[in-house]
Amino acid sequence: MTKKLEPYKRYIFLGIIFIALGVSFSTSLGDETGSLGTVFIAVGGLFFIIGMSKKRKEGK
């Protein structure tokens, strides 16, 4: 039995995952994927903002 997440929760969860991957790429892999880590952090922040916006719209 699976339960689907609400749309805003999916975006927030995806944003958190991208941010976590970006931080790990930036710190542990440093020179090789430093810029990729920054891009992942930015994309994760974008998804997080989209999710919070959707949550606010659902609340109204």
PDB file of N, CA and C in Angstrom:
ATOM      1  N   MET A   1       0.844  -1.164   0.000  1.00  0.00           N
ATOM      2  CA  MET A   1       0.000   0.000   0.000  1.00  0.00           C
ATOM      3  C   MET A   1       0.898   1.238   0.000  1.00  0.00           C
ATOM      4  N   THR A   2       0.798   2.004  -1.055  1.00  0.00           N
ATOM      5  CA  THR A   2       1.589   3.222  -1.141  1.00  0.00           C
ATOM      6  C   THR A   2       0.681   4.432  -1.020  1.00  0.00           C
ATOM      7  N   LYS A   3       1.246   5.473  -0.472  1.00  0.00           N
ATOM      8  CA  LYS A   3       0.500   6.715  -0.293  1.00  0.00           C
ATOM      9  C   LYS A   3       1.225   7.807  -1.061  1.00  0.00           C
ATOM     10  N   LYS A   4       0.513   8.495  -1.948  1.00  0.00           N
ATOM     11  CA  LYS A   4       1.130   9.561  -2.726  1.00  0.00           C
ATOM     12  C   LYS A   4       1.262  10.811  -1.872  1.00  0.00           C
ATOM     13  N   LEU A   5       2.371  11.490  -2.069  1.00  0.00           N
ATOM     14  CA  LEU A   5       2.579  12.754  -1.381  1.00  0.00           C
ATOM     15  C   LEU A   5       1.802  13.855  -2.074  1.00  0.00           C
ATOM     16  N   GLU A   6       1.461  14.857  -1.303  1.00  0.00           N
ATOM     17  CA  GLU A   6       0.820  16.031  -1.884  1.00  0.00           C
ATOM     18  C   GLU A   6       1.831  16.728  -2.791  1.00  0.00           C
ATOM     19  N   PRO A   7       1.351  17.424  -3.828  1.00  0.00           N
ATOM     20  CA  PRO A   7       2.286  18.023  -4.803  1.00  0.00           C
ATOM     21  C   PRO A   7       3.332  18.953  -4.175  1.00  0.00           C
ATOM     22  N   TYR A   8       2.936  19.775  -3.218  1.00  0.00           N
ATOM     23  CA  TYR A   8       3.916  20.684  -2.643  1.00  0.00           C
ATOM     24  C   TYR A   8       4.964  19.940  -1.834  1.00  0.00           C
ATOM     25  N   LYS A   9       4.587  18.833  -1.223  1.00  0.00           N
ATOM     26  CA  LYS A   9       5.553  18.052  -0.455  1.00  0.00           C
ATOM     27  C   LYS A   9       6.586  17.402  -1.365  1.00  0.00           C
ATOM     28  N   ARG A  10       6.146  17.004  -2.565  1.00  0.00           N
ATOM     29  CA  ARG A  10       7.091  16.427  -3.526  1.00  0.00           C
ATOM     30  C   ARG A  10       8.160  17.431  -3.916  1.00  0.00           C
ATOM     31  N   TYR A  11       7.733  18.675  -4.197  1.00  0.00           N
ATOM     32  CA  TYR A  11       8.690  19.708  -4.579  1.00  0.00           C
ATOM     33  C   TYR A  11       9.647  20.027  -3.434  1.00  0.00           C
ATOM     34  N   ILE A  12       9.135  20.120  -2.226  1.00  0.00           N
ATOM     35  CA  ILE A  12       9.995  20.415  -1.078  1.00  0.00           C
ATOM     36  C   ILE A  12      10.983  19.273  -0.856  1.00  0.00           C
ATOM     37  N   PHE A  13      10.518  18.034  -0.926  1.00  0.00           N
ATOM     38  CA  PHE A  13      11.384  16.875  -0.744  1.00  0.00           C
ATOM     39  C   PHE A  13      12.465  16.821  -1.818  1.00  0.00           C
ATOM     40  N   LEU A  14      12.077  17.072  -3.067  1.00  0.00           N
ATOM     41  CA  LEU A  14      13.046  17.089  -4.158  1.00  0.00           C
ATOM     42  C   LEU A  14      14.072  18.205  -3.964  1.00  0.00           C
ATOM     43  N   GLY A  15      13.623  19.357  -3.504  1.00  0.00           N
ATOM     44  CA  GLY A  15      14.532  20.462  -3.229  1.00  0.00           C
ATOM     45  C   GLY A  15      15.540  20.121  -2.154  1.00  0.00           C
ATOM     46  N   ILE A  16      15.081  19.475  -1.094  1.00  0.00           N
ATOM     47  CA  ILE A  16      15.994  19.089  -0.006  1.00  0.00           C
ATOM     48  C   ILE A  16      17.021  18.081  -0.518  1.00  0.00           C
ATOM     49  N   ILE A  17      16.594  17.147  -1.352  1.00  0.00           N
ATOM     50  CA  ILE A  17      17.528  16.153  -1.894  1.00  0.00           C
ATOM     51  C   ILE A  17      18.582  16.824  -2.767  1.00  0.00           C
ATOM     52  N   PHE A  18      18.152  17.751  -3.657  1.00  0.00           N
ATOM     53  CA  PHE A  18      19.115  18.451  -4.514  1.00  0.00           C
ATOM     54  C   PHE A  18      20.091  19.289  -3.686  1.00  0.00           C
ATOM     55  N   ILE A  19      19.599  19.953  -2.658  1.00  0.00           N
ATOM     56  CA  ILE A  19      20.485  20.756  -1.809  1.00  0.00           C
ATOM     57  C   ILE A  19      21.502  19.865  -1.112  1.00  0.00           C
ATOM     58  N   ALA A  20      21.053  18.725  -0.596  1.00  0.00           N
ATOM     59  CA  ALA A  20      21.968  17.807   0.085  1.00  0.00           C
ATOM     60  C   ALA A  20      23.026  17.265  -0.878  1.00  0.00           C
ATOM     61  N   LEU A  21      22.607  16.908  -2.088  1.00  0.00           N
ATOM     62  CA  LEU A  21      23.581  16.440  -3.075  1.00  0.00           C
ATOM     63  C   LEU A  21      24.562  17.548  -3.444  1.00  0.00           C
ATOM     64  N   GLY A  22      24.070  18.760  -3.588  1.00  0.00           N
ATOM     65  CA  GLY A  22      24.943  19.882  -3.914  1.00  0.00           C
ATOM     66  C   GLY A  22      25.970  20.156  -2.844  1.00  0.00           C
ATOM     67  N   VAL A  23      25.556  20.091  -1.588  1.00  0.00           N
ATOM     68  CA  VAL A  23      26.496  20.312  -0.491  1.00  0.00           C
ATOM     69  C   VAL A  23      27.540  19.205  -0.460  1.00  0.00           C
ATOM     70  N   SER A  24      27.104  17.969  -0.660  1.00  0.00           N
ATOM     71  CA  SER A  24      28.084  16.872  -0.639  1.00  0.00           C
ATOM     72  C   SER A  24      29.035  16.956  -1.834  1.00  0.00           C
ATOM     73  N   PHE A  25      28.529  17.351  -3.008  1.00  0.00           N
ATOM     74  CA  PHE A  25      29.410  17.532  -4.158  1.00  0.00           C
ATOM     75  C   PHE A  25      30.394  18.668  -3.917  1.00  0.00           C
ATOM     76  N   SER A  26      29.932  19.742  -3.315  1.00  0.00           N
ATOM     77  CA  SER A  26      30.806  20.895  -3.093  1.00  0.00           C
ATOM     78  C   SER A  26      31.901  20.606  -2.074  1.00  0.00           C
ATOM     79  N   THR A  27      31.562  19.888  -1.014  1.00  0.00           N
ATOM     80  CA  THR A  27      32.541  19.678   0.053  1.00  0.00           C
ATOM     81  C   THR A  27      33.434  18.462  -0.174  1.00  0.00           C
ATOM     82  N   SER A  28      32.828  17.316  -0.457  1.00  0.00           N
ATOM     83  CA  SER A  28      33.646  16.102  -0.509  1.00  0.00           C
ATOM     84  C   SER A  28      34.404  15.945  -1.823  1.00  0.00           C
ATOM     85  N   LEU A  29      33.793  16.370  -2.910  1.00  0.00           N
ATOM     86  CA  LEU A  29      34.453  16.188  -4.188  1.00  0.00           C
ATOM     87  C   LEU A  29      35.131  17.462  -4.681  1.00  0.00           C
ATOM     88  N   GLY A  30      35.005  18.528  -3.921  1.00  0.00           N
ATOM     89  CA  GLY A  30      35.681  19.800  -4.129  1.00  0.00           C
ATOM     90  C   GLY A  30      36.037  20.208  -5.538  1.00  0.00           C
ATOM     91  N   ASP A  31      37.241  19.902  -5.957  1.00  0.00           N
ATOM     92  CA  ASP A  31      37.756  20.399  -7.232  1.00  0.00           C
ATOM     93  C   ASP A  31      37.072  19.774  -8.447  1.00  0.00           C
ATOM     94  N   GLU A  32      36.760  18.497  -8.364  1.00  0.00           N
ATOM     95  CA  GLU A  32      36.208  17.819  -9.532  1.00  0.00           C
ATOM     96  C   GLU A  32      34.797  18.304  -9.876  1.00  0.00           C
ATOM     97  N   THR A  33      33.949  18.462  -8.869  1.00  0.00           N
ATOM     98  CA  THR A  33      32.551  18.814  -9.136  1.00  0.00           C
ATOM     99  C   THR A  33      32.103  20.029  -8.331  1.00  0.00           C
ATOM    100  N   GLY A  34      32.979  20.952  -8.103  1.00  0.00           N
ATOM    101  CA  GLY A  34      32.637  22.132  -7.312  1.00  0.00           C
ATOM    102  C   GLY A  34      31.533  22.958  -7.920  1.00  0.00           C
ATOM    103  N   SER A  35      31.617  23.206  -9.221  1.00  0.00           N
ATOM    104  CA  SER A  35      30.578  24.008  -9.869  1.00  0.00           C
ATOM    105  C   SER A  35      29.274  23.231  -9.985  1.00  0.00           C
ATOM    106  N   LEU A  36      29.340  21.928 -10.150  1.00  0.00           N
ATOM    107  CA  LEU A  36      28.132  21.115 -10.206  1.00  0.00           C
ATOM    108  C   LEU A  36      27.402  21.163  -8.864  1.00  0.00           C
ATOM    109  N   GLY A  37      28.151  21.177  -7.783  1.00  0.00           N
ATOM    110  CA  GLY A  37      27.542  21.292  -6.460  1.00  0.00           C
ATOM    111  C   GLY A  37      26.797  22.595  -6.297  1.00  0.00           C
ATOM    112  N   THR A  38      27.363  23.674  -6.791  1.00  0.00           N
ATOM    113  CA  THR A  38      26.705  24.972  -6.715  1.00  0.00           C
ATOM    114  C   THR A  38      25.420  24.982  -7.531  1.00  0.00           C
ATOM    115  N   VAL A  39      25.450  24.364  -8.685  1.00  0.00           N
ATOM    116  CA  VAL A  39      24.245  24.278  -9.527  1.00  0.00           C
ATOM    117  C   VAL A  39      23.174  23.454  -8.832  1.00  0.00           C
ATOM    118  N   PHE A  40      23.542  22.348  -8.204  1.00  0.00           N
ATOM    119  CA  PHE A  40      22.569  21.520  -7.498  1.00  0.00           C
ATOM    120  C   PHE A  40      21.951  22.284  -6.332  1.00  0.00           C
ATOM    121  N   ILE A  41      22.741  23.065  -5.628  1.00  0.00           N
ATOM    122  CA  ILE A  41      22.207  23.867  -4.526  1.00  0.00           C
ATOM    123  C   ILE A  41      21.205  24.884  -5.058  1.00  0.00           C
ATOM    124  N   ALA A  42      21.524  25.516  -6.178  1.00  0.00           N
ATOM    125  CA  ALA A  42      20.619  26.501  -6.766  1.00  0.00           C
ATOM    126  C   ALA A  42      19.315  25.853  -7.243  1.00  0.00           C
ATOM    127  N   VAL A  43      19.412  24.713  -7.900  1.00  0.00           N
ATOM    128  CA  VAL A  43      18.210  24.013  -8.375  1.00  0.00           C
ATOM    129  C   VAL A  43      17.374  23.536  -7.188  1.00  0.00           C
ATOM    130  N   GLY A  44      18.038  23.043  -6.155  1.00  0.00           N
ATOM    131  CA  GLY A  44      17.318  22.620  -4.958  1.00  0.00           C
ATOM    132  C   GLY A  44      16.597  23.776  -4.291  1.00  0.00           C
ATOM    133  N   GLY A  45      17.235  24.929  -4.236  1.00  0.00           N
ATOM    134  CA  GLY A  45      16.582  26.107  -3.682  1.00  0.00           C
ATOM    135  C   GLY A  45      15.377  26.517  -4.508  1.00  0.00           C
ATOM    136  N   LEU A  46      15.494  26.400  -5.814  1.00  0.00           N
ATOM    137  CA  LEU A  46      14.374  26.722  -6.702  1.00  0.00           C
ATOM    138  C   LEU A  46      13.188  25.785  -6.449  1.00  0.00           C
ATOM    139  N   PHE A  47      13.459  24.483  -6.348  1.00  0.00           N
ATOM    140  CA  PHE A  47      12.384  23.535  -6.070  1.00  0.00           C
ATOM    141  C   PHE A  47      11.768  23.784  -4.690  1.00  0.00           C
ATOM    142  N   PHE A  48      12.597  24.144  -3.734  1.00  0.00           N
ATOM    143  CA  PHE A  48      12.100  24.428  -2.388  1.00  0.00           C
ATOM    144  C   PHE A  48      11.164  25.638  -2.413  1.00  0.00           C
ATOM    145  N   ILE A  49      11.552  26.678  -3.142  1.00  0.00           N
ATOM    146  CA  ILE A  49      10.713  27.869  -3.253  1.00  0.00           C
ATOM    147  C   ILE A  49       9.409  27.547  -3.968  1.00  0.00           C
ATOM    148  N   ILE A  50       9.462  26.746  -5.019  1.00  0.00           N
ATOM    149  CA  ILE A  50       8.248  26.348  -5.735  1.00  0.00           C
ATOM    150  C   ILE A  50       7.311  25.578  -4.807  1.00  0.00           C
ATOM    151  N   GLY A  51       7.867  24.661  -4.026  1.00  0.00           N
ATOM    152  CA  GLY A  51       7.058  23.874  -3.091  1.00  0.00           C
ATOM    153  C   GLY A  51       6.405  24.738  -2.032  1.00  0.00           C
ATOM    154  N   MET A  52       7.143  25.703  -1.505  1.00  0.00           N
ATOM    155  CA  MET A  52       6.561  26.581  -0.493  1.00  0.00           C
ATOM    156  C   MET A  52       5.479  27.462  -1.095  1.00  0.00           C
ATOM    157  N   SER A  53       5.656  27.880  -2.331  1.00  0.00           N
ATOM    158  CA  SER A  53       4.631  28.674  -3.007  1.00  0.00           C
ATOM    159  C   SER A  53       3.362  27.851  -3.220  1.00  0.00           C
ATOM    160  N   LYS A  54       3.523  26.608  -3.636  1.00  0.00           N
ATOM    161  CA  LYS A  54       2.360  25.726  -3.829  1.00  0.00           C
ATOM    162  C   LYS A  54       1.649  25.461  -2.507  1.00  0.00           C
ATOM    163  N   LYS A  55       2.402  25.337  -1.432  1.00  0.00           N
ATOM    164  CA  LYS A  55       1.804  25.105  -0.120  1.00  0.00           C
ATOM    165  C   LYS A  55       0.969  26.305   0.299  1.00  0.00           C
ATOM    166  N   ARG A  56       1.484  27.494   0.066  1.00  0.00           N
ATOM    167  CA  ARG A  56       0.758  28.702   0.434  1.00  0.00           C
ATOM    168  C   ARG A  56      -0.526  28.826  -0.386  1.00  0.00           C
ATOM    169  N   LYS A  57      -0.457  28.487  -1.687  1.00  0.00           N
ATOM    170  CA  LYS A  57      -1.651  28.570  -2.540  1.00  0.00           C
ATOM    171  C   LYS A  57      -2.708  27.544  -2.140  1.00  0.00           C
ATOM    172  N   GLU A  58      -2.285  26.361  -1.678  1.00  0.00           N
ATOM    173  CA  GLU A  58      -3.239  25.350  -1.234  1.00  0.00           C
ATOM    174  C   GLU A  58      -3.921  25.760   0.052  1.00  0.00           C
ATOM    175  N   GLY A  59      -3.216  26.504   0.893  1.00  0.00           N
ATOM    176  CA  GLY A  59      -3.769  26.917   2.178  1.00  0.00           C
ATOM    177  C   GLY A  59      -4.881  27.944   2.062  1.00  0.00           C
ATOM    178  N   LYS A  60      -4.893  28.677   0.967  1.00  0.00           N
ATOM    179  CA  LYS A  60      -5.897  29.743   0.809  1.00  0.00           C
ATOM    180  C   LYS A  60      -7.230  29.215   0.348  1.00  0.00           C
TER     181      LYS A  60
END
